Amino acid sequence: MVKGYLSLVLHAHLPFVRHPEYDQFLEERWFFEAITETYIPLLNAFDNLENEGVDFELTINISPSLCNMLSDDLLKARYVRYLDSMIEFCEKEVQRNRFNPPFHKLAIMYRDRFYQRKEKFVNALGGNLLNEFRRFQDLGNLEIITCGATHGFLPLLAVNSESVKAQIRAGA
């Protein structure tokens, strides 16, 4: 039997959705949901593997636009505000469904999840997810790579080789 290799490469990207001109902007919610439902749970999984002594190696591609948004102070503050609003909503749902056991249990689960995400983001990580990804890179568990600056499809941009080079330089 021929021995082969498996390479797991995770791709983390979102389009740039920062809009300081509005107090709330619908597309920013995509970013907040991605942090809540993908990036923090992924870091939690890495923590669990580390705590269990599992030696793991993954590669993750973090796009420049996502890096920029994850390090943006306005978006980080708005994310905490988003978490607070979701916690408040869930608290109301816990009360509203107190006599409806299946929905009450579900409301409690979501409330607790949002509390956990806020605890992790604010207290454990100091609002800096990129530092936690870097920590796993420094431990040798994670290789962080990037993509072109605007997440463009490089073969289509190849009609102008200088634009491809610029995408790669700026992305790196």
C-alpha atoms as a PDB file:
ATOM      1  CA  MET A   1       0.000   0.000   0.000  1.00  0.00           C
ATOM      2  CA  VAL A   2       1.267   3.456  -0.909  1.00  0.00           C
ATOM      3  CA  LYS A   3       1.721   5.821   2.024  1.00  0.00           C
ATOM      4  CA  GLY A   4       0.153   9.236   1.534  1.00  0.00           C
ATOM      5  CA  TYR A   5      -0.265  12.466   3.379  1.00  0.00           C
ATOM      6  CA  LEU A   6      -3.285  14.458   4.425  1.00  0.00           C
ATOM      7  CA  SER A   7      -3.103  18.202   4.696  1.00  0.00           C
ATOM      8  CA  LEU A   8      -5.908  20.022   6.470  1.00  0.00           C
ATOM      9  CA  VAL A   9      -6.069  23.652   5.396  1.00  0.00           C
ATOM     10  CA  LEU A  10      -8.808  25.753   6.943  1.00  0.00           C
ATOM     11  CA  HIS A  11      -9.803  28.912   5.106  1.00  0.00           C
ATOM     12  CA  ALA A  12     -10.946  31.899   7.166  1.00  0.00           C
ATOM     13  CA  HIS A  13     -12.235  34.827   5.138  1.00  0.00           C
ATOM     14  CA  LEU A  14     -14.949  37.423   5.235  1.00  0.00           C
ATOM     15  CA  PRO A  15     -15.404  40.435   3.003  1.00  0.00           C
ATOM     16  CA  PHE A  16     -14.515  43.747   4.614  1.00  0.00           C
ATOM     17  CA  VAL A  17     -17.671  44.937   6.397  1.00  0.00           C
ATOM     18  CA  ARG A  18     -16.563  47.786   8.688  1.00  0.00           C
ATOM     19  CA  HIS A  19     -18.963  50.729   8.448  1.00  0.00           C
ATOM     20  CA  PRO A  20     -18.237  53.448  11.045  1.00  0.00           C
ATOM     21  CA  GLU A  21     -20.714  55.776   9.363  1.00  0.00           C
ATOM     22  CA  TYR A  22     -23.597  53.716  10.806  1.00  0.00           C
ATOM     23  CA  ASP A  23     -24.269  52.826  14.427  1.00  0.00           C
ATOM     24  CA  GLN A  24     -25.335  49.332  13.323  1.00  0.00           C
ATOM     25  CA  PHE A  25     -24.731  47.731   9.957  1.00  0.00           C
ATOM     26  CA  LEU A  26     -26.317  44.439   8.911  1.00  0.00           C
ATOM     27  CA  GLU A  27     -23.216  43.034   7.211  1.00  0.00           C
ATOM     28  CA  GLU A  28     -21.126  43.550  10.366  1.00  0.00           C
ATOM     29  CA  ARG A  29     -23.395  40.971  11.965  1.00  0.00           C
ATOM     30  CA  TRP A  30     -21.914  38.359   9.583  1.00  0.00           C
ATOM     31  CA  PHE A  31     -18.545  39.098  11.116  1.00  0.00           C
ATOM     32  CA  PHE A  32     -19.903  38.871  14.677  1.00  0.00           C
ATOM     33  CA  GLU A  33     -21.655  35.580  13.913  1.00  0.00           C
ATOM     34  CA  ALA A  34     -18.440  34.179  12.418  1.00  0.00           C
ATOM     35  CA  ILE A  35     -16.516  35.062  15.583  1.00  0.00           C
ATOM     36  CA  THR A  36     -19.254  33.548  17.763  1.00  0.00           C
ATOM     37  CA  GLU A  37     -19.972  30.404  15.782  1.00  0.00           C
ATOM     38  CA  THR A  38     -16.625  29.662  14.105  1.00  0.00           C
ATOM     39  CA  TYR A  39     -13.478  31.384  15.343  1.00  0.00           C
ATOM     40  CA  ILE A  40     -13.990  31.192  19.115  1.00  0.00           C
ATOM     41  CA  PRO A  41     -15.235  27.569  18.913  1.00  0.00           C
ATOM     42  CA  LEU A  42     -12.201  26.719  16.759  1.00  0.00           C
ATOM     43  CA  LEU A  43      -9.872  28.239  19.356  1.00  0.00           C
ATOM     44  CA  ASN A  44     -11.786  26.372  22.081  1.00  0.00           C
ATOM     45  CA  ALA A  45     -11.194  23.124  20.166  1.00  0.00           C
ATOM     46  CA  PHE A  46      -7.479  23.929  19.969  1.00  0.00           C
ATOM     47  CA  ASP A  47      -7.479  24.606  23.730  1.00  0.00           C
ATOM     48  CA  ASN A  48      -9.160  21.254  24.376  1.00  0.00           C
ATOM     49  CA  LEU A  49      -6.633  19.412  22.204  1.00  0.00           C
ATOM     50  CA  GLU A  50      -3.783  21.160  24.000  1.00  0.00           C
ATOM     51  CA  ASN A  51      -5.257  20.366  27.440  1.00  0.00           C
ATOM     52  CA  GLU A  52      -5.679  16.700  26.473  1.00  0.00           C
ATOM     53  CA  GLY A  53      -2.072  16.508  25.260  1.00  0.00           C
ATOM     54  CA  VAL A  54      -3.065  15.871  21.655  1.00  0.00           C
ATOM     55  CA  ASP A  55      -0.312  16.831  19.238  1.00  0.00           C
ATOM     56  CA  PHE A  56      -2.125  18.384  16.302  1.00  0.00           C
ATOM     57  CA  GLU A  57      -0.977  20.239  13.225  1.00  0.00           C
ATOM     58  CA  LEU A  58      -3.262  22.320  11.042  1.00  0.00           C
ATOM     59  CA  THR A  59      -2.848  25.059   8.495  1.00  0.00           C
ATOM     60  CA  ILE A  60      -5.212  28.005   8.462  1.00  0.00           C
ATOM     61  CA  ASN A  61      -5.471  30.649   5.805  1.00  0.00           C
ATOM     62  CA  ILE A  62      -6.566  33.938   7.386  1.00  0.00           C
ATOM     63  CA  SER A  63      -7.389  36.513   4.732  1.00  0.00           C
ATOM     64  CA  PRO A  64      -6.057  40.070   5.022  1.00  0.00           C
ATOM     65  CA  SER A  65      -9.573  41.510   5.269  1.00  0.00           C
ATOM     66  CA  LEU A  66     -10.398  39.184   8.158  1.00  0.00           C
ATOM     67  CA  CYS A  67      -7.107  40.026   9.931  1.00  0.00           C
ATOM     68  CA  ASN A  68      -7.895  43.694   9.568  1.00  0.00           C
ATOM     69  CA  MET A  69     -11.394  43.303  11.001  1.00  0.00           C
ATOM     70  CA  LEU A  70     -10.231  41.057  13.867  1.00  0.00           C
ATOM     71  CA  SER A  71      -7.733  43.721  14.929  1.00  0.00           C
ATOM     72  CA  ASP A  72     -10.053  46.718  14.507  1.00  0.00           C
ATOM     73  CA  ASP A  73     -10.963  48.416  17.812  1.00  0.00           C
ATOM     74  CA  LEU A  74     -14.333  49.692  16.544  1.00  0.00           C
ATOM     75  CA  LEU A  75     -15.410  46.228  15.414  1.00  0.00           C
ATOM     76  CA  LYS A  76     -14.173  44.648  18.648  1.00  0.00           C
ATOM     77  CA  ALA A  77     -16.249  47.131  20.680  1.00  0.00           C
ATOM     78  CA  ARG A  78     -19.249  46.513  18.451  1.00  0.00           C
ATOM     79  CA  TYR A  79     -18.789  42.765  18.879  1.00  0.00           C
ATOM     80  CA  VAL A  80     -19.015  43.106  22.656  1.00  0.00           C
ATOM     81  CA  ARG A  81     -22.157  45.219  22.166  1.00  0.00           C
ATOM     82  CA  TYR A  82     -23.541  42.479  19.887  1.00  0.00           C
ATOM     83  CA  LEU A  83     -22.832  39.847  22.559  1.00  0.00           C
ATOM     84  CA  ASP A  84     -24.532  41.983  25.212  1.00  0.00           C
ATOM     85  CA  SER A  85     -27.617  42.372  23.018  1.00  0.00           C
ATOM     86  CA  MET A  86     -27.753  38.620  22.364  1.00  0.00           C
ATOM     87  CA  ILE A  87     -27.383  37.871  26.079  1.00  0.00           C
ATOM     88  CA  GLU A  88     -30.199  40.321  26.850  1.00  0.00           C
ATOM     89  CA  PHE A  89     -32.392  38.712  24.193  1.00  0.00           C
ATOM     90  CA  CYS A  90     -31.643  35.226  25.523  1.00  0.00           C
ATOM     91  CA  GLU A  91     -32.442  36.297  29.097  1.00  0.00           C
ATOM     92  CA  LYS A  92     -35.863  37.446  27.866  1.00  0.00           C
ATOM     93  CA  GLU A  93     -36.355  34.143  26.048  1.00  0.00           C
ATOM     94  CA  VAL A  94     -35.441  32.196  29.191  1.00  0.00           C
ATOM     95  CA  GLN A  95     -38.166  34.067  31.069  1.00  0.00           C
ATOM     96  CA  ARG A  96     -40.716  33.918  28.252  1.00  0.00           C
ATOM     97  CA  ASN A  97     -40.326  30.152  27.897  1.00  0.00           C
ATOM     98  CA  ARG A  98     -40.083  29.246  31.579  1.00  0.00           C
ATOM     99  CA  PHE A  99     -43.257  27.111  31.293  1.00  0.00           C
ATOM    100  CA  ASN A 100     -42.267  25.528  27.992  1.00  0.00           C
ATOM    101  CA  PRO A 101     -39.480  23.070  28.924  1.00  0.00           C
ATOM    102  CA  PRO A 102     -38.000  22.308  25.470  1.00  0.00           C
ATOM    103  CA  PHE A 103     -37.745  25.994  24.505  1.00  0.00           C
ATOM    104  CA  HIS A 104     -36.677  27.000  28.003  1.00  0.00           C
ATOM    105  CA  LYS A 105     -33.792  24.542  27.855  1.00  0.00           C
ATOM    106  CA  LEU A 106     -32.831  25.844  24.396  1.00  0.00           C
ATOM    107  CA  ALA A 107     -32.947  29.466  25.549  1.00  0.00           C
ATOM    108  CA  ILE A 108     -30.697  28.607  28.506  1.00  0.00           C
ATOM    109  CA  MET A 109     -28.249  26.853  26.181  1.00  0.00           C
ATOM    110  CA  TYR A 110     -27.964  29.896  23.915  1.00  0.00           C
ATOM    111  CA  ARG A 111     -27.737  32.320  26.842  1.00  0.00           C
ATOM    112  CA  ASP A 112     -24.920  30.292  28.362  1.00  0.00           C
ATOM    113  CA  ARG A 113     -23.167  30.060  24.988  1.00  0.00           C
ATOM    114  CA  PHE A 114     -23.202  33.835  24.547  1.00  0.00           C
ATOM    115  CA  TYR A 115     -21.953  34.338  28.109  1.00  0.00           C
ATOM    116  CA  GLN A 116     -19.112  31.885  27.412  1.00  0.00           C
ATOM    117  CA  ARG A 117     -18.192  33.610  24.138  1.00  0.00           C
ATOM    118  CA  LYS A 118     -18.101  36.992  25.886  1.00  0.00           C
ATOM    119  CA  GLU A 119     -15.983  35.602  28.743  1.00  0.00           C
ATOM    120  CA  LYS A 120     -13.532  34.097  26.257  1.00  0.00           C
ATOM    121  CA  PHE A 121     -13.347  37.163  24.015  1.00  0.00           C
ATOM    122  CA  VAL A 122     -13.177  39.857  26.693  1.00  0.00           C
ATOM    123  CA  ASN A 123     -11.409  38.231  29.637  1.00  0.00           C
ATOM    124  CA  ALA A 124      -9.438  35.240  28.344  1.00  0.00           C
ATOM    125  CA  LEU A 125      -8.304  36.794  25.053  1.00  0.00           C
ATOM    126  CA  GLY A 126      -8.451  40.498  25.819  1.00  0.00           C
ATOM    127  CA  GLY A 127     -10.380  40.970  22.584  1.00  0.00           C
ATOM    128  CA  ASN A 128      -7.483  39.679  20.486  1.00  0.00           C
ATOM    129  CA  LEU A 129      -8.252  36.476  18.586  1.00  0.00           C
ATOM    130  CA  LEU A 130      -5.207  36.863  16.350  1.00  0.00           C
ATOM    131  CA  ASN A 131      -2.865  36.590  19.346  1.00  0.00           C
ATOM    132  CA  GLU A 132      -4.463  33.268  20.262  1.00  0.00           C
ATOM    133  CA  PHE A 133      -4.014  31.962  16.724  1.00  0.00           C
ATOM    134  CA  ARG A 134      -0.389  33.169  16.944  1.00  0.00           C
ATOM    135  CA  ARG A 135       0.054  31.335  20.256  1.00  0.00           C
ATOM    136  CA  PHE A 136      -0.895  28.043  18.607  1.00  0.00           C
ATOM    137  CA  GLN A 137       1.430  28.859  15.737  1.00  0.00           C
ATOM    138  CA  ASP A 138       4.263  29.465  18.200  1.00  0.00           C
ATOM    139  CA  LEU A 139       3.499  26.106  19.842  1.00  0.00           C
ATOM    140  CA  GLY A 140       3.906  24.424  16.447  1.00  0.00           C
ATOM    141  CA  ASN A 141       0.266  23.332  16.206  1.00  0.00           C
ATOM    142  CA  LEU A 142      -0.832  25.822  13.598  1.00  0.00           C
ATOM    143  CA  GLU A 143       0.653  27.182  10.422  1.00  0.00           C
ATOM    144  CA  ILE A 144      -0.911  30.505   9.488  1.00  0.00           C
ATOM    145  CA  ILE A 145      -0.882  31.444   5.824  1.00  0.00           C
ATOM    146  CA  THR A 146      -2.626  34.155   3.870  1.00  0.00           C
ATOM    147  CA  CYS A 147      -4.132  34.747   0.453  1.00  0.00           C
ATOM    148  CA  GLY A 148      -4.161  37.618  -2.005  1.00  0.00           C
ATOM    149  CA  ALA A 149      -4.888  41.029  -0.510  1.00  0.00           C
ATOM    150  CA  THR A 150      -8.447  41.292  -1.826  1.00  0.00           C
ATOM    151  CA  HIS A 151      -9.140  37.541  -1.877  1.00  0.00           C
ATOM    152  CA  GLY A 152      -9.251  37.754  -5.662  1.00  0.00           C
ATOM    153  CA  PHE A 153      -9.031  34.600  -7.764  1.00  0.00           C
ATOM    154  CA  LEU A 154      -5.406  34.838  -8.871  1.00  0.00           C
ATOM    155  CA  PRO A 155      -5.720  32.788 -12.108  1.00  0.00           C
ATOM    156  CA  LEU A 156      -8.259  35.338 -13.380  1.00  0.00           C
ATOM    157  CA  LEU A 157      -5.951  38.186 -12.407  1.00  0.00           C
ATOM    158  CA  ALA A 158      -3.059  36.551 -14.281  1.00  0.00           C
ATOM    159  CA  VAL A 159      -3.815  38.649 -17.376  1.00  0.00           C
ATOM    160  CA  ASN A 160      -1.748  41.247 -15.513  1.00  0.00           C
ATOM    161  CA  SER A 161       1.145  39.534 -13.746  1.00  0.00           C
ATOM    162  CA  GLU A 162       1.988  42.713 -11.833  1.00  0.00           C
ATOM    163  CA  SER A 163      -1.469  42.737 -10.229  1.00  0.00           C
ATOM    164  CA  VAL A 164      -0.950  39.140  -9.056  1.00  0.00           C
ATOM    165  CA  LYS A 165       2.417  40.068  -7.559  1.00  0.00           C
ATOM    166  CA  ALA A 166       0.871  43.090  -5.869  1.00  0.00           C
ATOM    167  CA  GLN A 167      -1.959  40.935  -4.443  1.00  0.00           C
ATOM    168  CA  ILE A 168       0.542  38.477  -2.987  1.00  0.00           C
ATOM    169  CA  ARG A 169       2.875  41.163  -1.609  1.00  0.00           C
ATOM    170  CA  ALA A 170       0.024  43.062   0.023  1.00  0.00           C
ATOM    171  CA  GLY A 171      -1.578  39.869   1.339  1.00  0.00           C
ATOM    172  CA  ALA A 172       1.646  38.691   2.926  1.00  0.00           C
END
